[in-house]
């Protein structure tokens, strides 16, 4: 097998999901969030890999993104407006 093939990227279930404005995605009833970074992912489509051990990882092209559980209260994810 060629060295450039990474089995952890091949032997997975792959799902494409659109990132919501609050940097969350939905997968099988779960709401997961992407940490805020230099890049704005809202509106973009990412690929979520479910590995054989059940863990989830998201990718934007080759860039691996962390997935975190979303807080139970959606308002915690929204930016507060200045008054």
C-alpha atoms as a PDB file:
ATOM      1  CA  UNK A   1       0.000   0.000   0.000  1.00  0.00           C
ATOM      2  CA  UNK A   2       1.352   3.485  -0.825  1.00  0.00           C
ATOM      3  CA  UNK A   3       2.653   5.479   2.141  1.00  0.00           C
ATOM      4  CA  UNK A   4       0.551   8.549   1.321  1.00  0.00           C
ATOM      5  CA  UNK A   5      -2.670   6.605   1.988  1.00  0.00           C
ATOM      6  CA  UNK A   6      -3.728   7.115   5.588  1.00  0.00           C
ATOM      7  CA  UNK A   7      -6.018   4.329   6.764  1.00  0.00           C
ATOM      8  CA  UNK A   8      -7.555   6.532   9.463  1.00  0.00           C
ATOM      9  CA  UNK A   9      -8.884   8.741   6.619  1.00  0.00           C
ATOM     10  CA  UNK A  10     -10.091   5.814   4.494  1.00  0.00           C
ATOM     11  CA  UNK A  11     -11.644   3.295   6.897  1.00  0.00           C
ATOM     12  CA  UNK A  12     -14.371   5.647   8.152  1.00  0.00           C
ATOM     13  CA  UNK A  13     -17.980   6.573   7.516  1.00  0.00           C
ATOM     14  CA  UNK A  14     -18.042   9.991   5.832  1.00  0.00           C
ATOM     15  CA  UNK A  15     -20.767  12.611   6.063  1.00  0.00           C
ATOM     16  CA  UNK A  16     -20.898  16.080   4.526  1.00  0.00           C
ATOM     17  CA  UNK A  17     -22.523  18.725   6.695  1.00  0.00           C
ATOM     18  CA  UNK A  18     -23.117  22.459   6.321  1.00  0.00           C
ATOM     19  CA  UNK A  19     -21.892  24.550   9.255  1.00  0.00           C
ATOM     20  CA  UNK A  20     -24.565  26.766  10.843  1.00  0.00           C
ATOM     21  CA  UNK A  21     -24.036  30.433  11.724  1.00  0.00           C
ATOM     22  CA  UNK A  22     -23.228  29.486  15.323  1.00  0.00           C
ATOM     23  CA  UNK A  23     -20.447  27.119  14.124  1.00  0.00           C
ATOM     24  CA  UNK A  24     -22.458  23.961  14.847  1.00  0.00           C
ATOM     25  CA  UNK A  25     -23.262  20.912  12.765  1.00  0.00           C
ATOM     26  CA  UNK A  26     -25.854  18.203  13.289  1.00  0.00           C
ATOM     27  CA  UNK A  27     -25.120  14.519  12.939  1.00  0.00           C
ATOM     28  CA  UNK A  28     -27.433  11.683  13.948  1.00  0.00           C
ATOM     29  CA  UNK A  29     -29.328  13.763  16.505  1.00  0.00           C
ATOM     30  CA  UNK A  30     -26.172  15.263  18.019  1.00  0.00           C
ATOM     31  CA  UNK A  31     -25.266  18.920  17.850  1.00  0.00           C
ATOM     32  CA  UNK A  32     -21.512  19.445  17.619  1.00  0.00           C
ATOM     33  CA  UNK A  33     -19.619  22.684  17.401  1.00  0.00           C
ATOM     34  CA  UNK A  34     -16.429  23.739  15.748  1.00  0.00           C
ATOM     35  CA  UNK A  35     -14.184  25.928  17.865  1.00  0.00           C
ATOM     36  CA  UNK A  36     -13.894  29.503  16.685  1.00  0.00           C
ATOM     37  CA  UNK A  37     -10.681  30.109  14.822  1.00  0.00           C
ATOM     38  CA  UNK A  38      -9.109  32.447  12.317  1.00  0.00           C
ATOM     39  CA  UNK A  39     -11.347  30.856   9.724  1.00  0.00           C
ATOM     40  CA  UNK A  40     -15.084  31.426   9.602  1.00  0.00           C
ATOM     41  CA  UNK A  41     -16.691  28.078   8.906  1.00  0.00           C
ATOM     42  CA  UNK A  42     -20.324  29.189   9.038  1.00  0.00           C
ATOM     43  CA  UNK A  43     -21.994  28.429   5.728  1.00  0.00           C
ATOM     44  CA  UNK A  44     -19.199  26.114   4.606  1.00  0.00           C
ATOM     45  CA  UNK A  45     -19.528  22.389   4.063  1.00  0.00           C
ATOM     46  CA  UNK A  46     -17.238  20.145   6.084  1.00  0.00           C
ATOM     47  CA  UNK A  47     -16.692  16.406   5.945  1.00  0.00           C
ATOM     48  CA  UNK A  48     -17.294  14.536   9.189  1.00  0.00           C
ATOM     49  CA  UNK A  49     -15.574  11.175   9.648  1.00  0.00           C
ATOM     50  CA  UNK A  50     -16.901   8.601  12.060  1.00  0.00           C
ATOM     51  CA  UNK A  51     -13.991   6.332  12.863  1.00  0.00           C
ATOM     52  CA  UNK A  52     -14.218   2.638  13.636  1.00  0.00           C
ATOM     53  CA  UNK A  53     -13.860   3.402  17.355  1.00  0.00           C
ATOM     54  CA  UNK A  54     -16.897   5.733  17.164  1.00  0.00           C
ATOM     55  CA  UNK A  55     -14.955   8.986  17.470  1.00  0.00           C
ATOM     56  CA  UNK A  56     -15.846  11.909  15.215  1.00  0.00           C
ATOM     57  CA  UNK A  57     -13.476  14.229  13.378  1.00  0.00           C
ATOM     58  CA  UNK A  58     -14.313  17.013  10.932  1.00  0.00           C
ATOM     59  CA  UNK A  59     -12.242  18.110   7.960  1.00  0.00           C
ATOM     60  CA  UNK A  60     -12.214  21.212   5.803  1.00  0.00           C
ATOM     61  CA  UNK A  61     -10.289  19.796   2.877  1.00  0.00           C
ATOM     62  CA  UNK A  62      -7.088  18.473   4.434  1.00  0.00           C
ATOM     63  CA  UNK A  63      -7.390  20.635   7.550  1.00  0.00           C
ATOM     64  CA  UNK A  64      -8.546  18.615  10.568  1.00  0.00           C
ATOM     65  CA  UNK A  65     -10.988  20.455  12.805  1.00  0.00           C
ATOM     66  CA  UNK A  66     -11.814  19.707  16.413  1.00  0.00           C
ATOM     67  CA  UNK A  67     -15.400  18.793  17.239  1.00  0.00           C
ATOM     68  CA  UNK A  68     -16.816  19.669  20.640  1.00  0.00           C
ATOM     69  CA  UNK A  69     -20.216  18.956  22.166  1.00  0.00           C
ATOM     70  CA  UNK A  70     -22.457  22.001  21.860  1.00  0.00           C
ATOM     71  CA  UNK A  71     -23.713  23.580  25.100  1.00  0.00           C
ATOM     72  CA  UNK A  72     -27.306  22.635  25.935  1.00  0.00           C
ATOM     73  CA  UNK A  73     -28.467  26.240  25.746  1.00  0.00           C
ATOM     74  CA  UNK A  74     -28.216  27.598  22.175  1.00  0.00           C
ATOM     75  CA  UNK A  75     -28.039  31.180  23.414  1.00  0.00           C
ATOM     76  CA  UNK A  76     -24.595  30.433  24.893  1.00  0.00           C
ATOM     77  CA  UNK A  77     -23.274  30.155  21.334  1.00  0.00           C
ATOM     78  CA  UNK A  78     -24.619  33.476  20.104  1.00  0.00           C
ATOM     79  CA  UNK A  79     -22.666  36.688  20.198  1.00  0.00           C
ATOM     80  CA  UNK A  80     -24.205  39.266  22.491  1.00  0.00           C
ATOM     81  CA  UNK A  81     -25.005  42.560  20.822  1.00  0.00           C
ATOM     82  CA  UNK A  82     -23.650  45.785  22.230  1.00  0.00           C
ATOM     83  CA  UNK A  83     -26.316  48.128  23.540  1.00  0.00           C
END
